[in-house]
Amino acid sequence: MELSSFMSAQVASLQQTLQMSILDKTLNLGTQGTVELLKSMPTQPAATHPHKGTVIDVSV
């Protein structure tokens, strides 16, 4: 095997490792940001059902 082909394979492997590392860090930052955003959201009151529990007069 020639030295140039060996070095080319090593560079390709290094590039792939670096890309995966960057992708992993980006996903972690995105997840962390999403968790912080969800934690900072104000709590909302429970929505009431539009007709459950109401009395409807049908004796007309």
PDB file of N, CA and C in Angstrom:
ATOM      1  N   MET A   1       0.848  -1.177   0.000  1.00  0.00           N
ATOM      2  CA  MET A   1       0.000   0.000   0.000  1.00  0.00           C
ATOM      3  C   MET A   1       0.889   1.233   0.000  1.00  0.00           C
ATOM      4  N   GLU A   2       0.568   2.181  -0.830  1.00  0.00           N
ATOM      5  CA  GLU A   2       1.369   3.394  -0.901  1.00  0.00           C
ATOM      6  C   GLU A   2       1.062   4.297   0.283  1.00  0.00           C
ATOM      7  N   LEU A   3       2.022   5.113   0.590  1.00  0.00           N
ATOM      8  CA  LEU A   3       1.883   6.038   1.708  1.00  0.00           C
ATOM      9  C   LEU A   3       0.757   7.042   1.453  1.00  0.00           C
ATOM     10  N   SER A   4       0.615   7.512   0.214  1.00  0.00           N
ATOM     11  CA  SER A   4      -0.403   8.515  -0.084  1.00  0.00           C
ATOM     12  C   SER A   4      -1.814   7.935   0.082  1.00  0.00           C
ATOM     13  N   SER A   5      -2.017   6.697  -0.328  1.00  0.00           N
ATOM     14  CA  SER A   5      -3.348   6.096  -0.168  1.00  0.00           C
ATOM     15  C   SER A   5      -3.642   5.819   1.308  1.00  0.00           C
ATOM     16  N   PHE A   6      -2.607   5.444   2.060  1.00  0.00           N
ATOM     17  CA  PHE A   6      -2.774   5.234   3.496  1.00  0.00           C
ATOM     18  C   PHE A   6      -3.147   6.545   4.177  1.00  0.00           C
ATOM     19  N   MET A   7      -2.464   7.617   3.833  1.00  0.00           N
ATOM     20  CA  MET A   7      -2.746   8.919   4.436  1.00  0.00           C
ATOM     21  C   MET A   7      -4.125   9.429   4.014  1.00  0.00           C
ATOM     22  N   SER A   8      -4.511   9.153   2.793  1.00  0.00           N
ATOM     23  CA  SER A   8      -5.830   9.554   2.321  1.00  0.00           C
ATOM     24  C   SER A   8      -6.928   8.856   3.127  1.00  0.00           C
ATOM     25  N   ALA A   9      -6.741   7.586   3.393  1.00  0.00           N
ATOM     26  CA  ALA A   9      -7.710   6.838   4.191  1.00  0.00           C
ATOM     27  C   ALA A   9      -7.771   7.381   5.618  1.00  0.00           C
ATOM     28  N   GLN A  10      -6.617   7.733   6.153  1.00  0.00           N
ATOM     29  CA  GLN A  10      -6.570   8.284   7.509  1.00  0.00           C
ATOM     30  C   GLN A  10      -7.272   9.640   7.582  1.00  0.00           C
ATOM     31  N   VAL A  11      -7.062  10.479   6.573  1.00  0.00           N
ATOM     32  CA  VAL A  11      -7.712  11.798   6.536  1.00  0.00           C
ATOM     33  C   VAL A  11      -9.224  11.637   6.415  1.00  0.00           C
ATOM     34  N   ALA A  12      -9.678  10.705   5.591  1.00  0.00           N
ATOM     35  CA  ALA A  12     -11.117  10.460   5.444  1.00  0.00           C
ATOM     36  C   ALA A  12     -11.716   9.989   6.768  1.00  0.00           C
ATOM     37  N   SER A  13     -11.017   9.123   7.464  1.00  0.00           N
ATOM     38  CA  SER A  13     -11.492   8.640   8.755  1.00  0.00           C
ATOM     39  C   SER A  13     -11.542   9.773   9.777  1.00  0.00           C
ATOM     40  N   LEU A  14     -10.534  10.620   9.774  1.00  0.00           N
ATOM     41  CA  LEU A  14     -10.497  11.763  10.684  1.00  0.00           C
ATOM     42  C   LEU A  14     -11.631  12.736  10.384  1.00  0.00           C
ATOM     43  N   GLN A  15     -11.901  12.978   9.113  1.00  0.00           N
ATOM     44  CA  GLN A  15     -12.995  13.873   8.737  1.00  0.00           C
ATOM     45  C   GLN A  15     -14.328  13.325   9.218  1.00  0.00           C
ATOM     46  N   GLN A  16     -14.542  12.034   9.050  1.00  0.00           N
ATOM     47  CA  GLN A  16     -15.796  11.434   9.490  1.00  0.00           C
ATOM     48  C   GLN A  16     -15.940  11.531  11.006  1.00  0.00           C
ATOM     49  N   THR A  17     -14.860  11.270  11.729  1.00  0.00           N
ATOM     50  CA  THR A  17     -14.891  11.362  13.189  1.00  0.00           C
ATOM     51  C   THR A  17     -15.197  12.783  13.631  1.00  0.00           C
ATOM     52  N   LEU A  18     -14.581  13.760  12.985  1.00  0.00           N
ATOM     53  CA  LEU A  18     -14.802  15.153  13.327  1.00  0.00           C
ATOM     54  C   LEU A  18     -16.240  15.570  13.032  1.00  0.00           C
ATOM     55  N   GLN A  19     -16.771  15.137  11.894  1.00  0.00           N
ATOM     56  CA  GLN A  19     -18.157  15.471  11.550  1.00  0.00           C
ATOM     57  C   GLN A  19     -19.125  14.871  12.566  1.00  0.00           C
ATOM     58  N   MET A  20     -18.886  13.631  12.975  1.00  0.00           N
ATOM     59  CA  MET A  20     -19.759  12.998  13.960  1.00  0.00           C
ATOM     60  C   MET A  20     -19.662  13.705  15.311  1.00  0.00           C
ATOM     61  N   SER A  21     -18.480  14.133  15.675  1.00  0.00           N
ATOM     62  CA  SER A  21     -18.303  14.848  16.939  1.00  0.00           C
ATOM     63  C   SER A  21     -19.049  16.178  16.914  1.00  0.00           C
ATOM     64  N   ILE A  22     -18.938  16.906  15.809  1.00  0.00           N
ATOM     65  CA  ILE A  22     -19.632  18.189  15.678  1.00  0.00           C
ATOM     66  C   ILE A  22     -21.141  17.971  15.690  1.00  0.00           C
ATOM     67  N   LEU A  23     -21.620  16.960  14.991  1.00  0.00           N
ATOM     68  CA  LEU A  23     -23.046  16.656  14.962  1.00  0.00           C
ATOM     69  C   LEU A  23     -23.556  16.305  16.354  1.00  0.00           C
ATOM     70  N   ASP A  24     -22.788  15.512  17.087  1.00  0.00           N
ATOM     71  CA  ASP A  24     -23.179  15.118  18.442  1.00  0.00           C
ATOM     72  C   ASP A  24     -23.278  16.339  19.352  1.00  0.00           C
ATOM     73  N   LYS A  25     -22.295  17.232  19.275  1.00  0.00           N
ATOM     74  CA  LYS A  25     -22.318  18.434  20.111  1.00  0.00           C
ATOM     75  C   LYS A  25     -23.483  19.344  19.729  1.00  0.00           C
ATOM     76  N   THR A  26     -23.770  19.442  18.447  1.00  0.00           N
ATOM     77  CA  THR A  26     -24.882  20.279  17.992  1.00  0.00           C
ATOM     78  C   THR A  26     -26.207  19.726  18.496  1.00  0.00           C
ATOM     79  N   LEU A  27     -26.394  18.415  18.412  1.00  0.00           N
ATOM     80  CA  LEU A  27     -27.623  17.804  18.910  1.00  0.00           C
ATOM     81  C   LEU A  27     -27.765  17.993  20.411  1.00  0.00           C
ATOM     82  N   ASN A  28     -26.667  17.872  21.145  1.00  0.00           N
ATOM     83  CA  ASN A  28     -26.719  18.066  22.591  1.00  0.00           C
ATOM     84  C   ASN A  28     -27.099  19.501  22.940  1.00  0.00           C
ATOM     85  N   LEU A  29     -26.542  20.464  22.210  1.00  0.00           N
ATOM     86  CA  LEU A  29     -26.883  21.862  22.464  1.00  0.00           C
ATOM     87  C   LEU A  29     -28.342  22.130  22.133  1.00  0.00           C
ATOM     88  N   GLY A  30     -28.831  21.549  21.045  1.00  0.00           N
ATOM     89  CA  GLY A  30     -30.231  21.721  20.672  1.00  0.00           C
ATOM     90  C   GLY A  30     -31.166  21.130  21.711  1.00  0.00           C
ATOM     91  N   THR A  31     -30.820  19.958  22.210  1.00  0.00           N
ATOM     92  CA  THR A  31     -31.633  19.311  23.235  1.00  0.00           C
ATOM     93  C   THR A  31     -31.615  20.113  24.521  1.00  0.00           C
ATOM     94  N   GLN A  32     -30.446  20.588  24.886  1.00  0.00           N
ATOM     95  CA  GLN A  32     -30.318  21.380  26.106  1.00  0.00           C
ATOM     96  C   GLN A  32     -31.130  22.672  26.000  1.00  0.00           C
ATOM     97  N   GLY A  33     -31.092  23.310  24.850  1.00  0.00           N
ATOM     98  CA  GLY A  33     -31.863  24.530  24.642  1.00  0.00           C
ATOM     99  C   GLY A  33     -33.349  24.276  24.699  1.00  0.00           C
ATOM    100  N   THR A  34     -33.782  23.150  24.146  1.00  0.00           N
ATOM    101  CA  THR A  34     -35.203  22.802  24.168  1.00  0.00           C
ATOM    102  C   THR A  34     -35.670  22.538  25.595  1.00  0.00           C
ATOM    103  N   VAL A  35     -34.869  21.835  26.369  1.00  0.00           N
ATOM    104  CA  VAL A  35     -35.229  21.558  27.767  1.00  0.00           C
ATOM    105  C   VAL A  35     -35.328  22.860  28.557  1.00  0.00           C
ATOM    106  N   GLU A  36     -34.379  23.774  28.356  1.00  0.00           N
ATOM    107  CA  GLU A  36     -34.429  25.056  29.057  1.00  0.00           C
ATOM    108  C   GLU A  36     -35.652  25.864  28.638  1.00  0.00           C
ATOM    109  N   LEU A  37     -35.990  25.820  27.358  1.00  0.00           N
ATOM    110  CA  LEU A  37     -37.169  26.536  26.871  1.00  0.00           C
ATOM    111  C   LEU A  37     -38.443  25.976  27.502  1.00  0.00           C
ATOM    112  N   LEU A  38     -38.551  24.653  27.569  1.00  0.00           N
ATOM    113  CA  LEU A  38     -39.735  24.044  28.174  1.00  0.00           C
ATOM    114  C   LEU A  38     -39.833  24.357  29.662  1.00  0.00           C
ATOM    115  N   LYS A  39     -38.698  24.384  30.349  1.00  0.00           N
ATOM    116  CA  LYS A  39     -38.703  24.699  31.784  1.00  0.00           C
ATOM    117  C   LYS A  39     -39.091  26.150  32.038  1.00  0.00           C
ATOM    118  N   SER A  40     -38.754  27.042  31.120  1.00  0.00           N
ATOM    119  CA  SER A  40     -39.025  28.463  31.333  1.00  0.00           C
ATOM    120  C   SER A  40     -40.435  28.872  30.917  1.00  0.00           C
ATOM    121  N   MET A  41     -41.190  27.951  30.320  1.00  0.00           N
ATOM    122  CA  MET A  41     -42.551  28.278  29.910  1.00  0.00           C
ATOM    123  C   MET A  41     -43.438  28.448  31.136  1.00  0.00           C
ATOM    124  N   PRO A  42     -44.316  29.442  31.114  1.00  0.00           N
ATOM    125  CA  PRO A  42     -45.226  29.600  32.256  1.00  0.00           C
ATOM    126  C   PRO A  42     -46.243  28.463  32.273  1.00  0.00           C
ATOM    127  N   THR A  43     -46.666  28.112  33.468  1.00  0.00           N
ATOM    128  CA  THR A  43     -47.664  27.056  33.570  1.00  0.00           C
ATOM    129  C   THR A  43     -49.012  27.605  33.135  1.00  0.00           C
ATOM    130  N   GLN A  44     -49.727  26.823  32.392  1.00  0.00           N
ATOM    131  CA  GLN A  44     -51.026  27.247  31.886  1.00  0.00           C
ATOM    132  C   GLN A  44     -52.125  26.538  32.656  1.00  0.00           C
ATOM    133  N   PRO A  45     -53.219  27.242  32.898  1.00  0.00           N
ATOM    134  CA  PRO A  45     -54.325  26.584  33.605  1.00  0.00           C
ATOM    135  C   PRO A  45     -54.935  25.494  32.735  1.00  0.00           C
ATOM    136  N   ALA A  46     -55.508  24.531  33.392  1.00  0.00           N
ATOM    137  CA  ALA A  46     -56.129  23.426  32.664  1.00  0.00           C
ATOM    138  C   ALA A  46     -57.317  23.953  31.871  1.00  0.00           C
ATOM    139  N   ALA A  47     -57.417  23.547  30.640  1.00  0.00           N
ATOM    140  CA  ALA A  47     -58.525  23.982  29.789  1.00  0.00           C
ATOM    141  C   ALA A  47     -59.791  23.235  30.182  1.00  0.00           C
ATOM    142  N   THR A  48     -60.885  23.965  30.227  1.00  0.00           N
ATOM    143  CA  THR A  48     -62.155  23.331  30.550  1.00  0.00           C
ATOM    144  C   THR A  48     -62.762  22.742  29.285  1.00  0.00           C
ATOM    145  N   HIS A  49     -63.515  21.696  29.471  1.00  0.00           N
ATOM    146  CA  HIS A  49     -64.185  21.055  28.343  1.00  0.00           C
ATOM    147  C   HIS A  49     -65.324  21.962  27.871  1.00  0.00           C
ATOM    148  N   PRO A  50     -65.543  22.106  26.561  1.00  0.00           N
ATOM    149  CA  PRO A  50     -66.525  23.078  26.074  1.00  0.00           C
ATOM    150  C   PRO A  50     -67.962  22.792  26.500  1.00  0.00           C
ATOM    151  N   HIS A  51     -68.353  21.534  26.702  1.00  0.00           N
ATOM    152  CA  HIS A  51     -69.740  21.275  27.080  1.00  0.00           C
ATOM    153  C   HIS A  51     -69.895  20.260  28.198  1.00  0.00           C
ATOM    154  N   LYS A  52     -68.856  19.628  28.613  1.00  0.00           N
ATOM    155  CA  LYS A  52     -68.957  18.621  29.662  1.00  0.00           C
ATOM    156  C   LYS A  52     -69.223  19.317  31.010  1.00  0.00           C
ATOM    157  N   GLY A  53     -70.248  18.866  31.695  1.00  0.00           N
ATOM    158  CA  GLY A  53     -70.557  19.432  33.001  1.00  0.00           C
ATOM    159  C   GLY A  53     -71.530  20.607  32.932  1.00  0.00           C
ATOM    160  N   THR A  54     -71.949  21.016  31.771  1.00  0.00           N
ATOM    161  CA  THR A  54     -72.909  22.125  31.659  1.00  0.00           C
ATOM    162  C   THR A  54     -74.312  21.542  31.517  1.00  0.00           C
ATOM    163  N   VAL A  55     -75.267  22.337  31.902  1.00  0.00           N
ATOM    164  CA  VAL A  55     -76.647  21.910  31.794  1.00  0.00           C
ATOM    165  C   VAL A  55     -77.250  22.520  30.541  1.00  0.00           C
ATOM    166  N   ILE A  56     -77.845  21.690  29.712  1.00  0.00           N
ATOM    167  CA  ILE A  56     -78.474  22.165  28.482  1.00  0.00           C
ATOM    168  C   ILE A  56     -79.977  21.937  28.607  1.00  0.00           C
ATOM    169  N   ASP A  57     -80.740  23.000  28.414  1.00  0.00           N
ATOM    170  CA  ASP A  57     -82.202  22.906  28.539  1.00  0.00           C
ATOM    171  C   ASP A  57     -82.781  22.462  27.190  1.00  0.00           C
ATOM    172  N   VAL A  58     -83.358  21.249  27.132  1.00  0.00           N
ATOM    173  CA  VAL A  58     -83.925  20.724  25.895  1.00  0.00           C
ATOM    174  C   VAL A  58     -85.457  20.605  26.001  1.00  0.00           C
ATOM    175  N   SER A  59     -86.046  21.291  26.958  1.00  0.00           N
ATOM    176  CA  SER A  59     -87.493  21.183  27.171  1.00  0.00           C
ATOM    177  C   SER A  59     -88.285  22.223  26.404  1.00  0.00           C
ATOM    178  N   VAL A  60     -87.778  22.706  25.335  1.00  0.00           N
ATOM    179  CA  VAL A  60     -88.475  23.755  24.561  1.00  0.00           C
ATOM    180  C   VAL A  60     -89.533  23.179  23.686  1.00  0.00           C
TER     181      VAL A  60
END
